[in-house]
């Protein structure tokens, strides 16, 4: 009676397992690089968001100042018009 090998073609099975482990390592490397890229992109988005909010805030401050200035000019104009209309009567 001859002994049968425990595995058929053990070298081929070992080669398939090594190849599978190599593919797994490559996949893990791709995943790690993808996660690092996503983290950098999230950081860039957050930085852009912060810059945009700062710009919006400055713009709102500028607009508020312009509106206050226009309001003061309108008040002055109304005062002059009232004084002019009061003298004309």
PDB file of N, CA and C in Angstrom:
ATOM      1  N   UNK A   1       0.836  -1.165   0.000  1.00  0.00           N
ATOM      2  CA  UNK A   1       0.000   0.000   0.000  1.00  0.00           C
ATOM      3  C   UNK A   1       0.892   1.243   0.000  1.00  0.00           C
ATOM      4  N   UNK A   2       0.655   2.145  -0.965  1.00  0.00           N
ATOM      5  CA  UNK A   2       1.467   3.349  -1.009  1.00  0.00           C
ATOM      6  C   UNK A   2       0.770   4.454  -0.228  1.00  0.00           C
ATOM      7  N   UNK A   3       1.590   5.309   0.290  1.00  0.00           N
ATOM      8  CA  UNK A   3       1.016   6.419   1.071  1.00  0.00           C
ATOM      9  C   UNK A   3       0.557   7.514   0.103  1.00  0.00           C
ATOM     10  N   UNK A   4      -0.636   8.008   0.350  1.00  0.00           N
ATOM     11  CA  UNK A   4      -1.140   9.107  -0.464  1.00  0.00           C
ATOM     12  C   UNK A   4      -0.795  10.410   0.231  1.00  0.00           C
ATOM     13  N   UNK A   5      -0.432  11.430  -0.519  1.00  0.00           N
ATOM     14  CA  UNK A   5      -0.104  12.711   0.123  1.00  0.00           C
ATOM     15  C   UNK A   5      -1.344  13.301   0.797  1.00  0.00           C
ATOM     16  N   UNK A   6      -1.099  13.996   1.875  1.00  0.00           N
ATOM     17  CA  UNK A   6      -2.212  14.636   2.597  1.00  0.00           C
ATOM     18  C   UNK A   6      -2.879  15.675   1.689  1.00  0.00           C
ATOM     19  N   UNK A   7      -2.090  16.402   0.938  1.00  0.00           N
ATOM     20  CA  UNK A   7      -2.627  17.413   0.014  1.00  0.00           C
ATOM     21  C   UNK A   7      -2.245  17.037  -1.397  1.00  0.00           C
ATOM     22  N   UNK A   8      -3.138  17.306  -2.299  1.00  0.00           N
ATOM     23  CA  UNK A   8      -2.794  17.141  -3.709  1.00  0.00           C
ATOM     24  C   UNK A   8      -1.952  18.343  -4.105  1.00  0.00           C
ATOM     25  N   UNK A   9      -0.871  18.134  -4.740  1.00  0.00           N
ATOM     26  CA  UNK A   9       0.025  19.185  -5.237  1.00  0.00           C
ATOM     27  C   UNK A   9       0.293  20.239  -4.170  1.00  0.00           C
ATOM     28  N   UNK A  10       1.003  19.869  -3.084  1.00  0.00           N
ATOM     29  CA  UNK A  10       1.236  20.823  -1.996  1.00  0.00           C
ATOM     30  C   UNK A  10       1.981  22.069  -2.461  1.00  0.00           C
ATOM     31  N   UNK A  11       2.866  21.969  -3.430  1.00  0.00           N
ATOM     32  CA  UNK A  11       3.582  23.152  -3.912  1.00  0.00           C
ATOM     33  C   UNK A  11       2.624  24.140  -4.571  1.00  0.00           C
ATOM     34  N   UNK A  12       1.673  23.631  -5.324  1.00  0.00           N
ATOM     35  CA  UNK A  12       0.693  24.504  -5.986  1.00  0.00           C
ATOM     36  C   UNK A  12      -0.196  25.183  -4.948  1.00  0.00           C
ATOM     37  N   UNK A  13      -0.606  24.411  -3.918  1.00  0.00           N
ATOM     38  CA  UNK A  13      -1.443  25.015  -2.864  1.00  0.00           C
ATOM     39  C   UNK A  13      -0.666  26.092  -2.115  1.00  0.00           C
ATOM     40  N   UNK A  14       0.599  25.815  -1.821  1.00  0.00           N
ATOM     41  CA  UNK A  14       1.430  26.805  -1.134  1.00  0.00           C
ATOM     42  C   UNK A  14       1.579  28.054  -2.000  1.00  0.00           C
ATOM     43  N   UNK A  15       1.796  27.872  -3.285  1.00  0.00           N
ATOM     44  CA  UNK A  15       1.932  29.008  -4.201  1.00  0.00           C
ATOM     45  C   UNK A  15       0.646  29.821  -4.245  1.00  0.00           C
ATOM     46  N   UNK A  16      -0.517  29.147  -4.256  1.00  0.00           N
ATOM     47  CA  UNK A  16      -1.804  29.874  -4.258  1.00  0.00           C
ATOM     48  C   UNK A  16      -1.988  30.651  -2.957  1.00  0.00           C
ATOM     49  N   UNK A  17      -1.607  30.032  -1.850  1.00  0.00           N
ATOM     50  CA  UNK A  17      -1.760  30.721  -0.556  1.00  0.00           C
ATOM     51  C   UNK A  17      -0.827  31.924  -0.459  1.00  0.00           C
ATOM     52  N   UNK A  18       0.388  31.760  -0.924  1.00  0.00           N
ATOM     53  CA  UNK A  18       1.327  32.893  -0.917  1.00  0.00           C
ATOM     54  C   UNK A  18       0.797  34.006  -1.812  1.00  0.00           C
ATOM     55  N   UNK A  19       0.290  33.650  -2.981  1.00  0.00           N
ATOM     56  CA  UNK A  19      -0.267  34.658  -3.895  1.00  0.00           C
ATOM     57  C   UNK A  19      -1.458  35.360  -3.249  1.00  0.00           C
ATOM     58  N   UNK A  20      -2.287  34.593  -2.555  1.00  0.00           N
ATOM     59  CA  UNK A  20      -3.445  35.199  -1.885  1.00  0.00           C
ATOM     60  C   UNK A  20      -2.990  36.154  -0.791  1.00  0.00           C
ATOM     61  N   UNK A  21      -1.962  35.773  -0.043  1.00  0.00           N
ATOM     62  CA  UNK A  21      -1.439  36.664   0.993  1.00  0.00           C
ATOM     63  C   UNK A  21      -0.819  37.921   0.391  1.00  0.00           C
ATOM     64  N   UNK A  22      -0.156  37.779  -0.738  1.00  0.00           N
ATOM     65  CA  UNK A  22       0.407  38.944  -1.417  1.00  0.00           C
ATOM     66  C   UNK A  22      -0.691  39.883  -1.891  1.00  0.00           C
ATOM     67  N   UNK A  23      -1.771  39.318  -2.454  1.00  0.00           N
ATOM     68  CA  UNK A  23      -2.910  40.155  -2.884  1.00  0.00           C
ATOM     69  C   UNK A  23      -3.541  40.845  -1.687  1.00  0.00           C
ATOM     70  N   UNK A  24      -3.649  40.124  -0.577  1.00  0.00           N
ATOM     71  CA  UNK A  24      -4.201  40.713   0.645  1.00  0.00           C
ATOM     72  C   UNK A  24      -3.328  41.869   1.124  1.00  0.00           C
ATOM     73  N   UNK A  25      -2.018  41.681   1.092  1.00  0.00           N
ATOM     74  CA  UNK A  25      -1.103  42.754   1.502  1.00  0.00           C
ATOM     75  C   UNK A  25      -1.231  43.962   0.578  1.00  0.00           C
ATOM     76  N   UNK A  26      -1.343  43.719  -0.745  1.00  0.00           N
ATOM     77  CA  UNK A  26      -1.519  44.811  -1.704  1.00  0.00           C
ATOM     78  C   UNK A  26      -2.835  45.544  -1.451  1.00  0.00           C
ATOM     79  N   UNK A  27      -3.871  44.767  -1.184  1.00  0.00           N
ATOM     80  CA  UNK A  27      -5.180  45.361  -0.909  1.00  0.00           C
ATOM     81  C   UNK A  27      -5.130  46.210   0.356  1.00  0.00           C
ATOM     82  N   UNK A  28      -4.456  45.703   1.386  1.00  0.00           N
ATOM     83  CA  UNK A  28      -4.321  46.458   2.636  1.00  0.00           C
ATOM     84  C   UNK A  28      -3.536  47.742   2.398  1.00  0.00           C
ATOM     85  N   UNK A  29      -2.497  47.675   1.576  1.00  0.00           N
ATOM     86  CA  UNK A  29      -1.705  48.860   1.252  1.00  0.00           C
ATOM     87  C   UNK A  29      -2.564  49.892   0.528  1.00  0.00           C
ATOM     88  N   UNK A  30      -3.364  49.423  -0.420  1.00  0.00           N
ATOM     89  CA  UNK A  30      -4.267  50.335  -1.148  1.00  0.00           C
ATOM     90  C   UNK A  30      -5.264  50.955  -0.177  1.00  0.00           C
ATOM     91  N   UNK A  31      -5.803  50.156   0.720  1.00  0.00           N
ATOM     92  CA  UNK A  31      -6.749  50.665   1.710  1.00  0.00           C
ATOM     93  C   UNK A  31      -6.089  51.709   2.607  1.00  0.00           C
ATOM     94  N   UNK A  32      -4.882  51.436   3.055  1.00  0.00           N
ATOM     95  CA  UNK A  32      -4.166  52.387   3.913  1.00  0.00           C
ATOM     96  C   UNK A  32      -3.911  53.704   3.186  1.00  0.00           C
ATOM     97  N   UNK A  33      -3.490  53.606   1.911  1.00  0.00           N
ATOM     98  CA  UNK A  33      -3.248  54.828   1.136  1.00  0.00           C
ATOM     99  C   UNK A  33      -4.548  55.588   0.890  1.00  0.00           C
ATOM    100  N   UNK A  34      -5.629  54.856   0.649  1.00  0.00           N
ATOM    101  CA  UNK A  34      -6.928  55.486   0.421  1.00  0.00           C
ATOM    102  C   UNK A  34      -7.400  56.207   1.680  1.00  0.00           C
ATOM    103  N   UNK A  35      -7.223  55.568   2.832  1.00  0.00           N
ATOM    104  CA  UNK A  35      -7.615  56.198   4.092  1.00  0.00           C
ATOM    105  C   UNK A  35      -6.778  57.442   4.375  1.00  0.00           C
ATOM    106  N   UNK A  36      -5.483  57.383   4.072  1.00  0.00           N
ATOM    107  CA  UNK A  36      -4.619  58.549   4.264  1.00  0.00           C
ATOM    108  C   UNK A  36      -5.045  59.689   3.338  1.00  0.00           C
ATOM    109  N   UNK A  37      -5.369  59.352   2.092  1.00  0.00           N
ATOM    110  CA  UNK A  37      -5.839  60.365   1.145  1.00  0.00           C
ATOM    111  C   UNK A  37      -7.150  60.981   1.621  1.00  0.00           C
ATOM    112  N   UNK A  38      -8.063  60.142   2.097  1.00  0.00           N
ATOM    113  CA  UNK A  38      -9.350  60.641   2.596  1.00  0.00           C
ATOM    114  C   UNK A  38      -9.133  61.569   3.794  1.00  0.00           C
ATOM    115  N   UNK A  39      -8.191  61.219   4.659  1.00  0.00           N
ATOM    116  CA  UNK A  39      -7.910  62.070   5.826  1.00  0.00           C
ATOM    117  C   UNK A  39      -7.362  63.425   5.376  1.00  0.00           C
ATOM    118  N   UNK A  40      -6.456  63.411   4.378  1.00  0.00           N
ATOM    119  CA  UNK A  40      -5.925  64.684   3.863  1.00  0.00           C
ATOM    120  C   UNK A  40      -7.027  65.511   3.217  1.00  0.00           C
ATOM    121  N   UNK A  41      -7.904  64.843   2.476  1.00  0.00           N
ATOM    122  CA  UNK A  41      -8.998  65.570   1.816  1.00  0.00           C
ATOM    123  C   UNK A  41      -9.966  66.146   2.838  1.00  0.00           C
ATOM    124  N   UNK A  42     -10.255  65.398   3.900  1.00  0.00           N
ATOM    125  CA  UNK A  42     -11.128  65.931   4.960  1.00  0.00           C
ATOM    126  C   UNK A  42     -10.487  67.161   5.602  1.00  0.00           C
ATOM    127  N   UNK A  43      -9.171  67.095   5.815  1.00  0.00           N
ATOM    128  CA  UNK A  43      -8.462  68.228   6.403  1.00  0.00           C
ATOM    129  C   UNK A  43      -8.520  69.438   5.469  1.00  0.00           C
ATOM    130  N   UNK A  44      -8.332  69.208   4.173  1.00  0.00           N
ATOM    131  CA  UNK A  44      -8.397  70.303   3.205  1.00  0.00           C
ATOM    132  C   UNK A  44      -9.797  70.907   3.148  1.00  0.00           C
ATOM    133  N   UNK A  45     -10.808  70.055   3.186  1.00  0.00           N
ATOM    134  CA  UNK A  45     -12.194  70.547   3.167  1.00  0.00           C
ATOM    135  C   UNK A  45     -12.469  71.384   4.410  1.00  0.00           C
ATOM    136  N   UNK A  46     -12.006  70.907   5.564  1.00  0.00           N
ATOM    137  CA  UNK A  46     -12.218  71.655   6.815  1.00  0.00           C
ATOM    138  C   UNK A  46     -11.482  72.991   6.770  1.00  0.00           C
ATOM    139  N   UNK A  47     -10.265  72.988   6.222  1.00  0.00           N
ATOM    140  CA  UNK A  47      -9.507  74.233   6.108  1.00  0.00           C
ATOM    141  C   UNK A  47     -10.214  75.201   5.155  1.00  0.00           C
ATOM    142  N   UNK A  48     -10.692  74.698   4.029  1.00  0.00           N
ATOM    143  CA  UNK A  48     -11.421  75.543   3.077  1.00  0.00           C
ATOM    144  C   UNK A  48     -12.698  76.086   3.701  1.00  0.00           C
ATOM    145  N   UNK A  49     -13.383  75.234   4.445  1.00  0.00           N
ATOM    146  CA  UNK A  49     -14.616  75.651   5.123  1.00  0.00           C
ATOM    147  C   UNK A  49     -14.327  76.775   6.120  1.00  0.00           C
ATOM    148  N   UNK A  50     -13.248  76.622   6.890  1.00  0.00           N
ATOM    149  CA  UNK A  50     -12.874  77.646   7.868  1.00  0.00           C
ATOM    150  C   UNK A  50     -12.540  78.958   7.166  1.00  0.00           C
ATOM    151  N   UNK A  51     -11.771  78.866   6.066  1.00  0.00           N
ATOM    152  CA  UNK A  51     -11.425  80.077   5.314  1.00  0.00           C
ATOM    153  C   UNK A  51     -12.661  80.745   4.739  1.00  0.00           C
ATOM    154  N   UNK A  52     -13.587  79.948   4.239  1.00  0.00           N
ATOM    155  CA  UNK A  52     -14.819  80.501   3.670  1.00  0.00           C
ATOM    156  C   UNK A  52     -15.654  81.184   4.754  1.00  0.00           C
ATOM    157  N   UNK A  53     -15.771  80.549   5.918  1.00  0.00           N
ATOM    158  CA  UNK A  53     -16.530  81.169   7.007  1.00  0.00           C
ATOM    159  C   UNK A  53     -15.889  82.477   7.463  1.00  0.00           C
ATOM    160  N   UNK A  54     -14.551  82.517   7.495  1.00  0.00           N
ATOM    161  CA  UNK A  54     -13.869  83.766   7.855  1.00  0.00           C
ATOM    162  C   UNK A  54     -14.144  84.850   6.820  1.00  0.00           C
ATOM    163  N   UNK A  55     -14.105  84.467   5.552  1.00  0.00           N
ATOM    164  CA  UNK A  55     -14.367  85.435   4.479  1.00  0.00           C
ATOM    165  C   UNK A  55     -15.808  85.943   4.554  1.00  0.00           C
ATOM    166  N   UNK A  56     -16.747  85.039   4.801  1.00  0.00           N
ATOM    167  CA  UNK A  56     -18.157  85.436   4.927  1.00  0.00           C
ATOM    168  C   UNK A  56     -18.317  86.402   6.091  1.00  0.00           C
ATOM    169  N   UNK A  57     -17.650  86.102   7.193  1.00  0.00           N
ATOM    170  CA  UNK A  57     -17.743  86.964   8.369  1.00  0.00           C
ATOM    171  C   UNK A  57     -17.200  88.362   8.057  1.00  0.00           C
ATOM    172  N   UNK A  58     -16.043  88.419   7.389  1.00  0.00           N
ATOM    173  CA  UNK A  58     -15.476  89.728   7.017  1.00  0.00           C
ATOM    174  C   UNK A  58     -16.411  90.476   6.078  1.00  0.00           C
ATOM    175  N   UNK A  59     -16.993  89.753   5.112  1.00  0.00           N
ATOM    176  CA  UNK A  59     -17.913  90.378   4.165  1.00  0.00           C
ATOM    177  C   UNK A  59     -19.148  90.922   4.885  1.00  0.00           C
ATOM    178  N   UNK A  60     -19.672  90.143   5.820  1.00  0.00           N
ATOM    179  CA  UNK A  60     -20.832  90.606   6.588  1.00  0.00           C
ATOM    180  C   UNK A  60     -20.473  91.852   7.400  1.00  0.00           C
ATOM    181  N   UNK A  61     -19.284  91.850   7.999  1.00  0.00           N
ATOM    182  CA  UNK A  61     -18.851  93.031   8.754  1.00  0.00           C
ATOM    183  C   UNK A  61     -18.740  94.247   7.843  1.00  0.00           C
ATOM    184  N   UNK A  62     -18.154  94.039   6.649  1.00  0.00           N
ATOM    185  CA  UNK A  62     -18.029  95.144   5.695  1.00  0.00           C
ATOM    186  C   UNK A  62     -19.403  95.656   5.275  1.00  0.00           C
ATOM    187  N   UNK A  63     -20.326  94.740   4.982  1.00  0.00           N
ATOM    188  CA  UNK A  63     -21.671  95.143   4.572  1.00  0.00           C
ATOM    189  C   UNK A  63     -22.400  95.863   5.702  1.00  0.00           C
ATOM    190  N   UNK A  64     -22.213  95.395   6.913  1.00  0.00           N
ATOM    191  CA  UNK A  64     -22.848  96.066   8.057  1.00  0.00           C
ATOM    192  C   UNK A  64     -22.322  97.491   8.201  1.00  0.00           C
ATOM    193  N   UNK A  65     -21.026  97.661   8.014  1.00  0.00           N
ATOM    194  CA  UNK A  65     -20.439  99.002   8.109  1.00  0.00           C
ATOM    195  C   UNK A  65     -20.981  99.911   7.009  1.00  0.00           C
ATOM    196  N   UNK A  66     -21.095  99.381   5.782  1.00  0.00           N
ATOM    197  CA  UNK A  66     -21.621 100.167   4.665  1.00  0.00           C
ATOM    198  C   UNK A  66     -23.079 100.532   4.922  1.00  0.00           C
ATOM    199  N   UNK A  67     -23.851  99.565   5.413  1.00  0.00           N
ATOM    200  CA  UNK A  67     -25.263  99.850   5.714  1.00  0.00           C
ATOM    201  C   UNK A  67     -25.393 100.902   6.810  1.00  0.00           C
ATOM    202  N   UNK A  68     -24.553 100.822   7.815  1.00  0.00           N
ATOM    203  CA  UNK A  68     -24.595 101.828   8.886  1.00  0.00           C
ATOM    204  C   UNK A  68     -24.249 103.209   8.332  1.00  0.00           C
ATOM    205  N   UNK A  69     -23.245 103.257   7.445  1.00  0.00           N
ATOM    206  CA  UNK A  69     -22.857 104.524   6.828  1.00  0.00           C
ATOM    207  C   UNK A  69     -23.993 105.077   5.972  1.00  0.00           C
ATOM    208  N   UNK A  70     -24.627 104.219   5.192  1.00  0.00           N
ATOM    209  CA  UNK A  70     -25.754 104.661   4.352  1.00  0.00           C
ATOM    210  C   UNK A  70     -26.924 105.105   5.219  1.00  0.00           C
ATOM    211  N   UNK A  71     -27.157 104.389   6.298  1.00  0.00           N
ATOM    212  CA  UNK A  71     -28.232 104.788   7.214  1.00  0.00           C
ATOM    213  C   UNK A  71     -27.980 106.168   7.790  1.00  0.00           C
ATOM    214  N   UNK A  72     -26.731 106.425   8.153  1.00  0.00           N
ATOM    215  CA  UNK A  72     -26.390 107.750   8.690  1.00  0.00           C
ATOM    216  C   UNK A  72     -26.581 108.835   7.630  1.00  0.00           C
ATOM    217  N   UNK A  73     -26.188 108.544   6.391  1.00  0.00           N
ATOM    218  CA  UNK A  73     -26.368 109.519   5.306  1.00  0.00           C
ATOM    219  C   UNK A  73     -27.856 109.769   5.047  1.00  0.00           C
ATOM    220  N   UNK A  74     -28.661 108.698   5.056  1.00  0.00           N
ATOM    221  CA  UNK A  74     -30.098 108.865   4.842  1.00  0.00           C
ATOM    222  C   UNK A  74     -30.728 109.680   5.959  1.00  0.00           C
ATOM    223  N   UNK A  75     -30.303 109.435   7.168  1.00  0.00           N
ATOM    224  CA  UNK A  75     -30.821 110.215   8.300  1.00  0.00           C
ATOM    225  C   UNK A  75     -30.472 111.687   8.125  1.00  0.00           C
ATOM    226  N   UNK A  76     -29.242 111.944   7.693  1.00  0.00           N
ATOM    227  CA  UNK A  76     -28.817 113.331   7.471  1.00  0.00           C
ATOM    228  C   UNK A  76     -29.626 113.974   6.351  1.00  0.00           C
ATOM    229  N   UNK A  77     -29.849 113.219   5.280  1.00  0.00           N
ATOM    230  CA  UNK A  77     -30.640 113.737   4.147  1.00  0.00           C
ATOM    231  C   UNK A  77     -32.074 114.028   4.591  1.00  0.00           C
ATOM    232  N   UNK A  78     -32.661 113.105   5.349  1.00  0.00           N
ATOM    233  CA  UNK A  78     -34.025 113.337   5.835  1.00  0.00           C
ATOM    234  C   UNK A  78     -34.095 114.554   6.745  1.00  0.00           C
ATOM    235  N   UNK A  79     -33.092 114.728   7.566  1.00  0.00           N
ATOM    236  CA  UNK A  79     -33.057 115.896   8.452  1.00  0.00           C
ATOM    237  C   UNK A  79     -33.009 117.177   7.631  1.00  0.00           C
ATOM    238  N   UNK A  80     -32.191 117.174   6.592  1.00  0.00           N
ATOM    239  CA  UNK A  80     -32.079 118.358   5.722  1.00  0.00           C
ATOM    240  C   UNK A  80     -33.400 118.599   4.990  1.00  0.00           C
ATOM    241  N   UNK A  81     -34.000 117.514   4.477  1.00  0.00           N
ATOM    242  CA  UNK A  81     -35.273 117.672   3.756  1.00  0.00           C
ATOM    243  C   UNK A  81     -36.370 118.187   4.671  1.00  0.00           C
ATOM    244  N   UNK A  82     -36.415 117.672   5.882  1.00  0.00           N
ATOM    245  CA  UNK A  82     -37.432 118.153   6.834  1.00  0.00           C
ATOM    246  C   UNK A  82     -37.215 119.625   7.167  1.00  0.00           C
ATOM    247  N   UNK A  83     -35.961 119.968   7.323  1.00  0.00           N
ATOM    248  CA  UNK A  83     -35.662 121.374   7.628  1.00  0.00           C
ATOM    249  C   UNK A  83     -36.028 122.250   6.442  1.00  0.00           C
ATOM    250  N   UNK A  84     -35.773 121.765   5.237  1.00  0.00           N
ATOM    251  CA  UNK A  84     -36.077 122.524   4.033  1.00  0.00           C
ATOM    252  C   UNK A  84     -37.587 122.643   3.859  1.00  0.00           C
ATOM    253  N   UNK A  85     -38.316 121.553   4.081  1.00  0.00           N
ATOM    254  CA  UNK A  85     -39.772 121.576   3.947  1.00  0.00           C
ATOM    255  C   UNK A  85     -40.398 122.427   5.039  1.00  0.00           C
ATOM    256  N   UNK A  86     -39.823 122.438   6.210  1.00  0.00           N
ATOM    257  CA  UNK A  86     -40.352 123.260   7.294  1.00  0.00           C
ATOM    258  C   UNK A  86     -40.170 124.744   6.995  1.00  0.00           C
ATOM    259  N   UNK A  87     -39.069 125.126   6.340  1.00  0.00           N
ATOM    260  CA  UNK A  87     -38.835 126.521   6.010  1.00  0.00           C
ATOM    261  C   UNK A  87     -39.719 126.969   4.860  1.00  0.00           C
ATOM    262  N   UNK A  88     -40.048 126.011   3.954  1.00  0.00           N
ATOM    263  CA  UNK A  88     -40.839 126.368   2.785  1.00  0.00           C
ATOM    264  C   UNK A  88     -42.270 126.599   3.175  1.00  0.00           C
ATOM    265  N   UNK A  89     -42.721 126.131   4.287  1.00  0.00           N
ATOM    266  CA  UNK A  89     -44.128 126.282   4.665  1.00  0.00           C
ATOM    267  C   UNK A  89     -44.387 127.609   5.198  1.00  0.00           C
TER     268      UNK A  89
END
